[in-house]
Every structure is written in C-alpha cells, then in structure tokens.
Amino acid sequence: LASALVVVIIWSTSFSFAKEAIDHLGPWLFR
C-alpha cells in the first residue's frame, strides 16, 4: 500500500518537472 501511494505522488508531480525539458529537447532526445 505504501509503495502504491509513493507511486501516486511521483506520477502526480512528474508532468511539472518533465514538460519544460521535453519542449526544449524534443520527446525522443529527452526519453
């Protein structure tokens, strides 16, 4: 249960951290 909750926290904040880098580098270089 704790693992699932940590997963939720990470996934709920990932967009904010990744969006700017994806815009600058492009999706495939970023990936």
PDB file of all heavy atoms in Angstrom:
ATOM      1  N   LEU A   1       0.830  -1.205   0.000  1.00  0.00           N
ATOM      2  CA  LEU A   1       0.000   0.000   0.000  1.00  0.00           C
ATOM      3  C   LEU A   1       0.864   1.254   0.000  1.00  0.00           C
ATOM      4  O   LEU A   1       0.592   2.213  -0.740  1.00  0.00           O
ATOM      5  CB  LEU A   1      -0.918  -0.002   1.230  1.00  0.00           C
ATOM      6  CG  LEU A   1      -2.070  -1.001   1.231  1.00  0.00           C
ATOM      7  CD1 LEU A   1      -2.735  -1.037   2.603  1.00  0.00           C
ATOM      8  CD2 LEU A   1      -3.093  -0.655   0.167  1.00  0.00           C
ATOM      9  N   ALA A   2       1.916   1.254   0.829  1.00  0.00           N
ATOM     10  CA  ALA A   2       2.820   2.404   0.873  1.00  0.00           C
ATOM     11  C   ALA A   2       3.502   2.606  -0.471  1.00  0.00           C
ATOM     12  O   ALA A   2       3.666   3.744  -0.932  1.00  0.00           O
ATOM     13  CB  ALA A   2       3.858   2.213   1.980  1.00  0.00           C
ATOM     14  N   SER A   3       3.891   1.513  -1.119  1.00  0.00           N
ATOM     15  CA  SER A   3       4.528   1.604  -2.440  1.00  0.00           C
ATOM     16  C   SER A   3       3.587   2.235  -3.447  1.00  0.00           C
ATOM     17  O   SER A   3       3.980   3.102  -4.233  1.00  0.00           O
ATOM     18  CB  SER A   3       4.949   0.208  -2.916  1.00  0.00           C
ATOM     19  OG  SER A   3       5.904  -0.361  -2.052  1.00  0.00           O
ATOM     20  N   ALA A   4       2.315   1.795  -3.430  1.00  0.00           N
ATOM     21  CA  ALA A   4       1.330   2.349  -4.368  1.00  0.00           C
ATOM     22  C   ALA A   4       1.119   3.838  -4.129  1.00  0.00           C
ATOM     23  O   ALA A   4       0.993   4.621  -5.080  1.00  0.00           O
ATOM     24  CB  ALA A   4       0.001   1.597  -4.233  1.00  0.00           C
ATOM     25  N   LEU A   5       1.120   4.266  -2.880  1.00  0.00           N
ATOM     26  CA  LEU A   5       0.922   5.680  -2.563  1.00  0.00           C
ATOM     27  C   LEU A   5       2.114   6.525  -3.014  1.00  0.00           C
ATOM     28  O   LEU A   5       1.942   7.642  -3.505  1.00  0.00           O
ATOM     29  CB  LEU A   5       0.677   5.862  -1.064  1.00  0.00           C
ATOM     30  CG  LEU A   5      -0.667   5.320  -0.563  1.00  0.00           C
ATOM     31  CD1 LEU A   5      -0.750   5.413   0.961  1.00  0.00           C
ATOM     32  CD2 LEU A   5      -1.829   6.079  -1.190  1.00  0.00           C
ATOM     33  N   VAL A   6       3.334   6.010  -2.864  1.00  0.00           N
ATOM     34  CA  VAL A   6       4.511   6.735  -3.346  1.00  0.00           C
ATOM     35  C   VAL A   6       4.471   6.853  -4.874  1.00  0.00           C
ATOM     36  O   VAL A   6       4.822   7.891  -5.442  1.00  0.00           O
ATOM     37  CB  VAL A   6       5.814   6.052  -2.875  1.00  0.00           C
ATOM     38  CG1 VAL A   6       7.042   6.732  -3.500  1.00  0.00           C
ATOM     39  CG2 VAL A   6       5.921   6.101  -1.362  1.00  0.00           C
ATOM     40  N   VAL A   7       4.039   5.786  -5.542  1.00  0.00           N
ATOM     41  CA  VAL A   7       3.870   5.830  -6.997  1.00  0.00           C
ATOM     42  C   VAL A   7       2.920   6.954  -7.391  1.00  0.00           C
ATOM     43  O   VAL A   7       3.180   7.724  -8.333  1.00  0.00           O
ATOM     44  CB  VAL A   7       3.341   4.469  -7.516  1.00  0.00           C
ATOM     45  CG1 VAL A   7       2.837   4.597  -8.947  1.00  0.00           C
ATOM     46  CG2 VAL A   7       4.423   3.405  -7.438  1.00  0.00           C
ATOM     47  N   VAL A   8       1.812   7.077  -6.667  1.00  0.00           N
ATOM     48  CA  VAL A   8       0.827   8.123  -6.950  1.00  0.00           C
ATOM     49  C   VAL A   8       1.463   9.504  -6.811  1.00  0.00           C
ATOM     50  O   VAL A   8       1.260  10.392  -7.658  1.00  0.00           O
ATOM     51  CB  VAL A   8      -0.378   7.985  -5.999  1.00  0.00           C
ATOM     52  CG1 VAL A   8      -1.256   9.230  -6.049  1.00  0.00           C
ATOM     53  CG2 VAL A   8      -1.195   6.750  -6.360  1.00  0.00           C
ATOM     54  N   ILE A   9       2.244   9.717  -5.752  1.00  0.00           N
ATOM     55  CA  ILE A   9       2.883  11.021  -5.522  1.00  0.00           C
ATOM     56  C   ILE A   9       3.838  11.355  -6.657  1.00  0.00           C
ATOM     57  O   ILE A   9       3.850  12.482  -7.181  1.00  0.00           O
ATOM     58  CB  ILE A   9       3.613  11.021  -4.168  1.00  0.00           C
ATOM     59  CG1 ILE A   9       2.601  10.950  -3.029  1.00  0.00           C
ATOM     60  CG2 ILE A   9       4.479  12.278  -4.021  1.00  0.00           C
ATOM     61  CD1 ILE A   9       3.211  10.713  -1.668  1.00  0.00           C
ATOM     62  N   ILE A  10       4.649  10.390  -7.075  1.00  0.00           N
ATOM     63  CA  ILE A  10       5.628  10.645  -8.143  1.00  0.00           C
ATOM     64  C   ILE A  10       4.916  10.929  -9.462  1.00  0.00           C
ATOM     65  O   ILE A  10       5.240  11.888 -10.168  1.00  0.00           O
ATOM     66  CB  ILE A  10       6.593   9.456  -8.288  1.00  0.00           C
ATOM     67  CG1 ILE A  10       7.470   9.332  -7.040  1.00  0.00           C
ATOM     68  CG2 ILE A  10       7.478   9.621  -9.532  1.00  0.00           C
ATOM     69  CD1 ILE A  10       8.360   8.101  -7.031  1.00  0.00           C
ATOM     70  N   TRP A  11       3.916  10.108  -9.806  1.00  0.00           N
ATOM     71  CA  TRP A  11       3.214  10.308 -11.080  1.00  0.00           C
ATOM     72  C   TRP A  11       2.417  11.612 -11.090  1.00  0.00           C
ATOM     73  O   TRP A  11       2.272  12.238 -12.137  1.00  0.00           O
ATOM     74  CB  TRP A  11       2.312   9.120 -11.370  1.00  0.00           C
ATOM     75  CG  TRP A  11       3.056   7.978 -12.010  1.00  0.00           C
ATOM     76  CD1 TRP A  11       4.250   8.054 -12.667  1.00  0.00           C
ATOM     77  CD2 TRP A  11       2.656   6.604 -12.055  1.00  0.00           C
ATOM     78  NE1 TRP A  11       4.620   6.809 -13.117  1.00  0.00           N
ATOM     79  CE2 TRP A  11       3.666   5.897 -12.757  1.00  0.00           C
ATOM     80  CE3 TRP A  11       1.555   5.912 -11.581  1.00  0.00           C
ATOM     81  CZ2 TRP A  11       3.601   4.533 -12.994  1.00  0.00           C
ATOM     82  CZ3 TRP A  11       1.483   4.545 -11.804  1.00  0.00           C
ATOM     83  CH2 TRP A  11       2.489   3.864 -12.512  1.00  0.00           C
ATOM     84  N   SER A  12       1.919  12.033  -9.947  1.00  0.00           N
ATOM     85  CA  SER A  12       1.115  13.255  -9.919  1.00  0.00           C
ATOM     86  C   SER A  12       1.951  14.516 -10.067  1.00  0.00           C
ATOM     87  O   SER A  12       1.419  15.585 -10.371  1.00  0.00           O
ATOM     88  CB  SER A  12       0.304  13.332  -8.619  1.00  0.00           C
ATOM     89  OG  SER A  12       1.157  13.440  -7.498  1.00  0.00           O
ATOM     90  N   THR A  13       3.273  14.416  -9.858  1.00  0.00           N
ATOM     91  CA  THR A  13       4.153  15.590  -9.980  1.00  0.00           C
ATOM     92  C   THR A  13       5.089  15.514 -11.181  1.00  0.00           C
ATOM     93  O   THR A  13       5.803  16.478 -11.457  1.00  0.00           O
ATOM     94  CB  THR A  13       4.994  15.755  -8.705  1.00  0.00           C
ATOM     95  OG1 THR A  13       5.743  14.549  -8.466  1.00  0.00           O
ATOM     96  CG2 THR A  13       4.112  16.028  -7.496  1.00  0.00           C
ATOM     97  N   SER A  14       5.096  14.392 -11.903  1.00  0.00           N
ATOM     98  CA  SER A  14       6.102  14.193 -12.948  1.00  0.00           C
ATOM     99  C   SER A  14       5.933  15.163 -14.114  1.00  0.00           C
ATOM    100  O   SER A  14       6.925  15.617 -14.703  1.00  0.00           O
ATOM    101  CB  SER A  14       6.053  12.747 -13.467  1.00  0.00           C
ATOM    102  OG  SER A  14       4.779  12.462 -14.017  1.00  0.00           O
ATOM    103  N   PHE A  15       4.676  15.495 -14.466  1.00  0.00           N
ATOM    104  CA  PHE A  15       4.447  16.371 -15.609  1.00  0.00           C
ATOM    105  C   PHE A  15       5.118  17.726 -15.412  1.00  0.00           C
ATOM    106  O   PHE A  15       5.735  18.274 -16.326  1.00  0.00           O
ATOM    107  CB  PHE A  15       2.946  16.555 -15.842  1.00  0.00           C
ATOM    108  CG  PHE A  15       2.625  17.558 -16.907  1.00  0.00           C
ATOM    109  CD1 PHE A  15       2.798  17.256 -18.239  1.00  0.00           C
ATOM    110  CD2 PHE A  15       2.159  18.813 -16.568  1.00  0.00           C
ATOM    111  CE1 PHE A  15       2.510  18.190 -19.230  1.00  0.00           C
ATOM    112  CE2 PHE A  15       1.863  19.755 -17.542  1.00  0.00           C
ATOM    113  CZ  PHE A  15       2.042  19.434 -18.874  1.00  0.00           C
ATOM    114  N   SER A  16       5.013  18.288 -14.202  1.00  0.00           N
ATOM    115  CA  SER A  16       5.578  19.609 -13.930  1.00  0.00           C
ATOM    116  C   SER A  16       7.081  19.637 -14.150  1.00  0.00           C
ATOM    117  O   SER A  16       7.632  20.626 -14.629  1.00  0.00           O
ATOM    118  CB  SER A  16       5.255  20.017 -12.489  1.00  0.00           C
ATOM    119  OG  SER A  16       3.865  20.056 -12.275  1.00  0.00           O
ATOM    120  N   PHE A  17       7.756  18.550 -13.789  1.00  0.00           N
ATOM    121  CA  PHE A  17       9.207  18.512 -13.916  1.00  0.00           C
ATOM    122  C   PHE A  17       9.666  18.216 -15.345  1.00  0.00           C
ATOM    123  O   PHE A  17      10.732  18.661 -15.757  1.00  0.00           O
ATOM    124  CB  PHE A  17       9.787  17.452 -12.967  1.00  0.00           C
ATOM    125  CG  PHE A  17       9.743  17.842 -11.531  1.00  0.00           C
ATOM    126  CD1 PHE A  17       8.708  17.425 -10.715  1.00  0.00           C
ATOM    127  CD2 PHE A  17      10.734  18.640 -10.977  1.00  0.00           C
ATOM    128  CE1 PHE A  17       8.656  17.795  -9.379  1.00  0.00           C
ATOM    129  CE2 PHE A  17      10.697  19.017  -9.647  1.00  0.00           C
ATOM    130  CZ  PHE A  17       9.657  18.586  -8.842  1.00  0.00           C
ATOM    131  N   ALA A  18       8.863  17.456 -16.101  1.00  0.00           N
ATOM    132  CA  ALA A  18       9.314  16.993 -17.414  1.00  0.00           C
ATOM    133  C   ALA A  18       8.919  17.897 -18.565  1.00  0.00           C
ATOM    134  O   ALA A  18       9.616  17.944 -19.583  1.00  0.00           O
ATOM    135  CB  ALA A  18       8.772  15.579 -17.672  1.00  0.00           C
ATOM    136  N   LYS A  19       7.824  18.629 -18.438  1.00  0.00           N
ATOM    137  CA  LYS A  19       7.246  19.335 -19.577  1.00  0.00           C
ATOM    138  C   LYS A  19       8.234  20.304 -20.226  1.00  0.00           C
ATOM    139  O   LYS A  19       8.402  20.325 -21.453  1.00  0.00           O
ATOM    140  CB  LYS A  19       5.984  20.076 -19.120  1.00  0.00           C
ATOM    141  CG  LYS A  19       5.321  20.927 -20.204  1.00  0.00           C
ATOM    142  CD  LYS A  19       4.859  20.090 -21.388  1.00  0.00           C
ATOM    143  CE  LYS A  19       4.135  20.937 -22.412  1.00  0.00           C
ATOM    144  NZ  LYS A  19       3.851  20.179 -23.638  1.00  0.00           N
ATOM    145  N   GLU A  20       8.905  21.146 -19.430  1.00  0.00           N
ATOM    146  CA  GLU A  20       9.815  22.146 -19.989  1.00  0.00           C
ATOM    147  C   GLU A  20      10.982  21.484 -20.715  1.00  0.00           C
ATOM    148  O   GLU A  20      11.385  21.928 -21.802  1.00  0.00           O
ATOM    149  CB  GLU A  20      10.332  23.054 -18.875  1.00  0.00           C
ATOM    150  CG  GLU A  20      11.211  24.198 -19.369  1.00  0.00           C
ATOM    151  CD  GLU A  20      11.682  25.104 -18.251  1.00  0.00           C
ATOM    152  OE1 GLU A  20      11.077  25.068 -17.157  1.00  0.00           O
ATOM    153  OE2 GLU A  20      12.655  25.840 -18.458  1.00  0.00           O
ATOM    154  N   ALA A  21      11.535  20.408 -20.136  1.00  0.00           N
ATOM    155  CA  ALA A  21      12.660  19.715 -20.767  1.00  0.00           C
ATOM    156  C   ALA A  21      12.234  19.048 -22.066  1.00  0.00           C
ATOM    157  O   ALA A  21      12.983  19.052 -23.053  1.00  0.00           O
ATOM    158  CB  ALA A  21      13.246  18.684 -19.804  1.00  0.00           C
ATOM    159  N   ILE A  22      11.031  18.484 -22.107  1.00  0.00           N
ATOM    160  CA  ILE A  22      10.538  17.860 -23.338  1.00  0.00           C
ATOM    161  C   ILE A  22      10.364  18.911 -24.422  1.00  0.00           C
ATOM    162  O   ILE A  22      10.712  18.692 -25.591  1.00  0.00           O
ATOM    163  CB  ILE A  22       9.217  17.116 -23.068  1.00  0.00           C
ATOM    164  CG1 ILE A  22       9.455  15.920 -22.152  1.00  0.00           C
ATOM    165  CG2 ILE A  22       8.587  16.641 -24.369  1.00  0.00           C
ATOM    166  CD1 ILE A  22       8.191  15.239 -21.699  1.00  0.00           C
ATOM    167  N   ASP A  23       9.827  20.067 -24.053  1.00  0.00           N
ATOM    168  CA  ASP A  23       9.648  21.153 -25.022  1.00  0.00           C
ATOM    169  C   ASP A  23      10.981  21.593 -25.613  1.00  0.00           C
ATOM    170  O   ASP A  23      11.076  21.901 -26.812  1.00  0.00           O
ATOM    171  CB  ASP A  23       8.958  22.351 -24.363  1.00  0.00           C
ATOM    172  CG  ASP A  23       7.489  22.077 -24.073  1.00  0.00           C
ATOM    173  OD1 ASP A  23       6.936  21.140 -24.684  1.00  0.00           O
ATOM    174  OD2 ASP A  23       6.907  22.788 -23.237  1.00  0.00           O
ATOM    175  N   HIS A  24      12.027  21.637 -24.795  1.00  0.00           N
ATOM    176  CA  HIS A  24      13.327  22.133 -25.258  1.00  0.00           C
ATOM    177  C   HIS A  24      14.100  21.073 -26.041  1.00  0.00           C
ATOM    178  O   HIS A  24      14.655  21.349 -27.112  1.00  0.00           O
ATOM    179  CB  HIS A  24      14.172  22.605 -24.066  1.00  0.00           C
ATOM    180  CG  HIS A  24      15.527  23.095 -24.442  1.00  0.00           C
ATOM    181  ND1 HIS A  24      16.680  22.648 -23.838  1.00  0.00           N
ATOM    182  CD2 HIS A  24      15.930  23.986 -25.404  1.00  0.00           C
ATOM    183  CE1 HIS A  24      17.725  23.249 -24.392  1.00  0.00           C
ATOM    184  NE2 HIS A  24      17.296  24.060 -25.329  1.00  0.00           N
ATOM    185  N   LEU A  25      14.137  19.843 -25.518  1.00  0.00           N
ATOM    186  CA  LEU A  25      14.970  18.798 -26.116  1.00  0.00           C
ATOM    187  C   LEU A  25      14.240  18.004 -27.197  1.00  0.00           C
ATOM    188  O   LEU A  25      14.886  17.375 -28.042  1.00  0.00           O
ATOM    189  CB  LEU A  25      15.448  17.826 -25.036  1.00  0.00           C
ATOM    190  CG  LEU A  25      16.323  18.422 -23.918  1.00  0.00           C
ATOM    191  CD1 LEU A  25      16.577  17.377 -22.840  1.00  0.00           C
ATOM    192  CD2 LEU A  25      17.640  18.947 -24.486  1.00  0.00           C
ATOM    193  N   GLY A  26      12.916  18.020 -27.176  1.00  0.00           N
ATOM    194  CA  GLY A  26      12.157  17.123 -28.036  1.00  0.00           C
ATOM    195  C   GLY A  26      11.913  15.822 -27.298  1.00  0.00           C
ATOM    196  O   GLY A  26      12.699  15.427 -26.426  1.00  0.00           O
ATOM    197  N   PRO A  27      10.826  15.123 -27.606  1.00  0.00           N
ATOM    198  CA  PRO A  27      10.456  13.939 -26.824  1.00  0.00           C
ATOM    199  C   PRO A  27      11.463  12.799 -26.896  1.00  0.00           C
ATOM    200  O   PRO A  27      11.696  12.110 -25.911  1.00  0.00           O
ATOM    201  CB  PRO A  27       9.104  13.527 -27.418  1.00  0.00           C
ATOM    202  CG  PRO A  27       9.081  14.124 -28.790  1.00  0.00           C
ATOM    203  CD  PRO A  27       9.851  15.404 -28.684  1.00  0.00           C
ATOM    204  N   TRP A  28      12.090  12.598 -28.061  1.00  0.00           N
ATOM    205  CA  TRP A  28      12.910  11.397 -28.215  1.00  0.00           C
ATOM    206  C   TRP A  28      14.293  11.577 -27.606  1.00  0.00           C
ATOM    207  O   TRP A  28      14.832  10.632 -27.016  1.00  0.00           O
ATOM    208  CB  TRP A  28      12.993  11.003 -29.684  1.00  0.00           C
ATOM    209  CG  TRP A  28      11.634  10.898 -30.294  1.00  0.00           C
ATOM    210  CD1 TRP A  28      11.156  11.574 -31.371  1.00  0.00           C
ATOM    211  CD2 TRP A  28      10.543  10.090 -29.817  1.00  0.00           C
ATOM    212  NE1 TRP A  28       9.846  11.249 -31.605  1.00  0.00           N
ATOM    213  CE2 TRP A  28       9.443  10.343 -30.676  1.00  0.00           C
ATOM    214  CE3 TRP A  28      10.389   9.195 -28.765  1.00  0.00           C
ATOM    215  CZ2 TRP A  28       8.215   9.720 -30.501  1.00  0.00           C
ATOM    216  CZ3 TRP A  28       9.157   8.581 -28.590  1.00  0.00           C
ATOM    217  CH2 TRP A  28       8.097   8.843 -29.455  1.00  0.00           C
ATOM    218  N   LEU A  29      14.872  12.771 -27.716  1.00  0.00           N
ATOM    219  CA  LEU A  29      16.152  13.011 -27.047  1.00  0.00           C
ATOM    220  C   LEU A  29      15.956  12.993 -25.539  1.00  0.00           C
ATOM    221  O   LEU A  29      16.775  12.413 -24.800  1.00  0.00           O
ATOM    222  CB  LEU A  29      16.741  14.346 -27.499  1.00  0.00           C
ATOM    223  CG  LEU A  29      18.104  14.709 -26.889  1.00  0.00           C
ATOM    224  CD1 LEU A  29      19.146  13.649 -27.207  1.00  0.00           C
ATOM    225  CD2 LEU A  29      18.565  16.088 -27.383  1.00  0.00           C
ATOM    226  N   PHE A  30      14.877  13.621 -25.066  1.00  0.00           N
ATOM    227  CA  PHE A  30      14.581  13.606 -23.633  1.00  0.00           C
ATOM    228  C   PHE A  30      14.426  12.166 -23.136  1.00  0.00           C
ATOM    229  O   PHE A  30      14.960  11.793 -22.085  1.00  0.00           O
ATOM    230  CB  PHE A  30      13.313  14.402 -23.342  1.00  0.00           C
ATOM    231  CG  PHE A  30      12.879  14.331 -21.902  1.00  0.00           C
ATOM    232  CD1 PHE A  30      13.409  15.204 -20.966  1.00  0.00           C
ATOM    233  CD2 PHE A  30      11.935  13.406 -21.485  1.00  0.00           C
ATOM    234  CE1 PHE A  30      13.016  15.142 -19.635  1.00  0.00           C
ATOM    235  CE2 PHE A  30      11.543  13.330 -20.162  1.00  0.00           C
ATOM    236  CZ  PHE A  30      12.078  14.203 -19.232  1.00  0.00           C
ATOM    237  N   ARG A  31      13.685  11.352 -23.891  1.00  0.00           N
ATOM    238  CA  ARG A  31      13.455   9.971 -23.460  1.00  0.00           C
ATOM    239  C   ARG A  31      14.749   9.178 -23.453  1.00  0.00           C
ATOM    240  O   ARG A  31      14.996   8.395 -22.537  1.00  0.00           O
ATOM    241  CB  ARG A  31      12.422   9.315 -24.372  1.00  0.00           C
ATOM    242  CG  ARG A  31      12.191   7.848 -24.018  1.00  0.00           C
ATOM    243  CD  ARG A  31      10.808   7.416 -24.362  1.00  0.00           C
ATOM    244  NE  ARG A  31      10.625   5.997 -24.058  1.00  0.00           N
ATOM    245  CZ  ARG A  31      10.411   5.512 -22.850  1.00  0.00           C
ATOM    246  NH1 ARG A  31      10.338   6.307 -21.811  1.00  0.00           N
ATOM    247  NH2 ARG A  31      10.246   4.217 -22.656  1.00  0.00           N
TER     248      ARG A  31
END
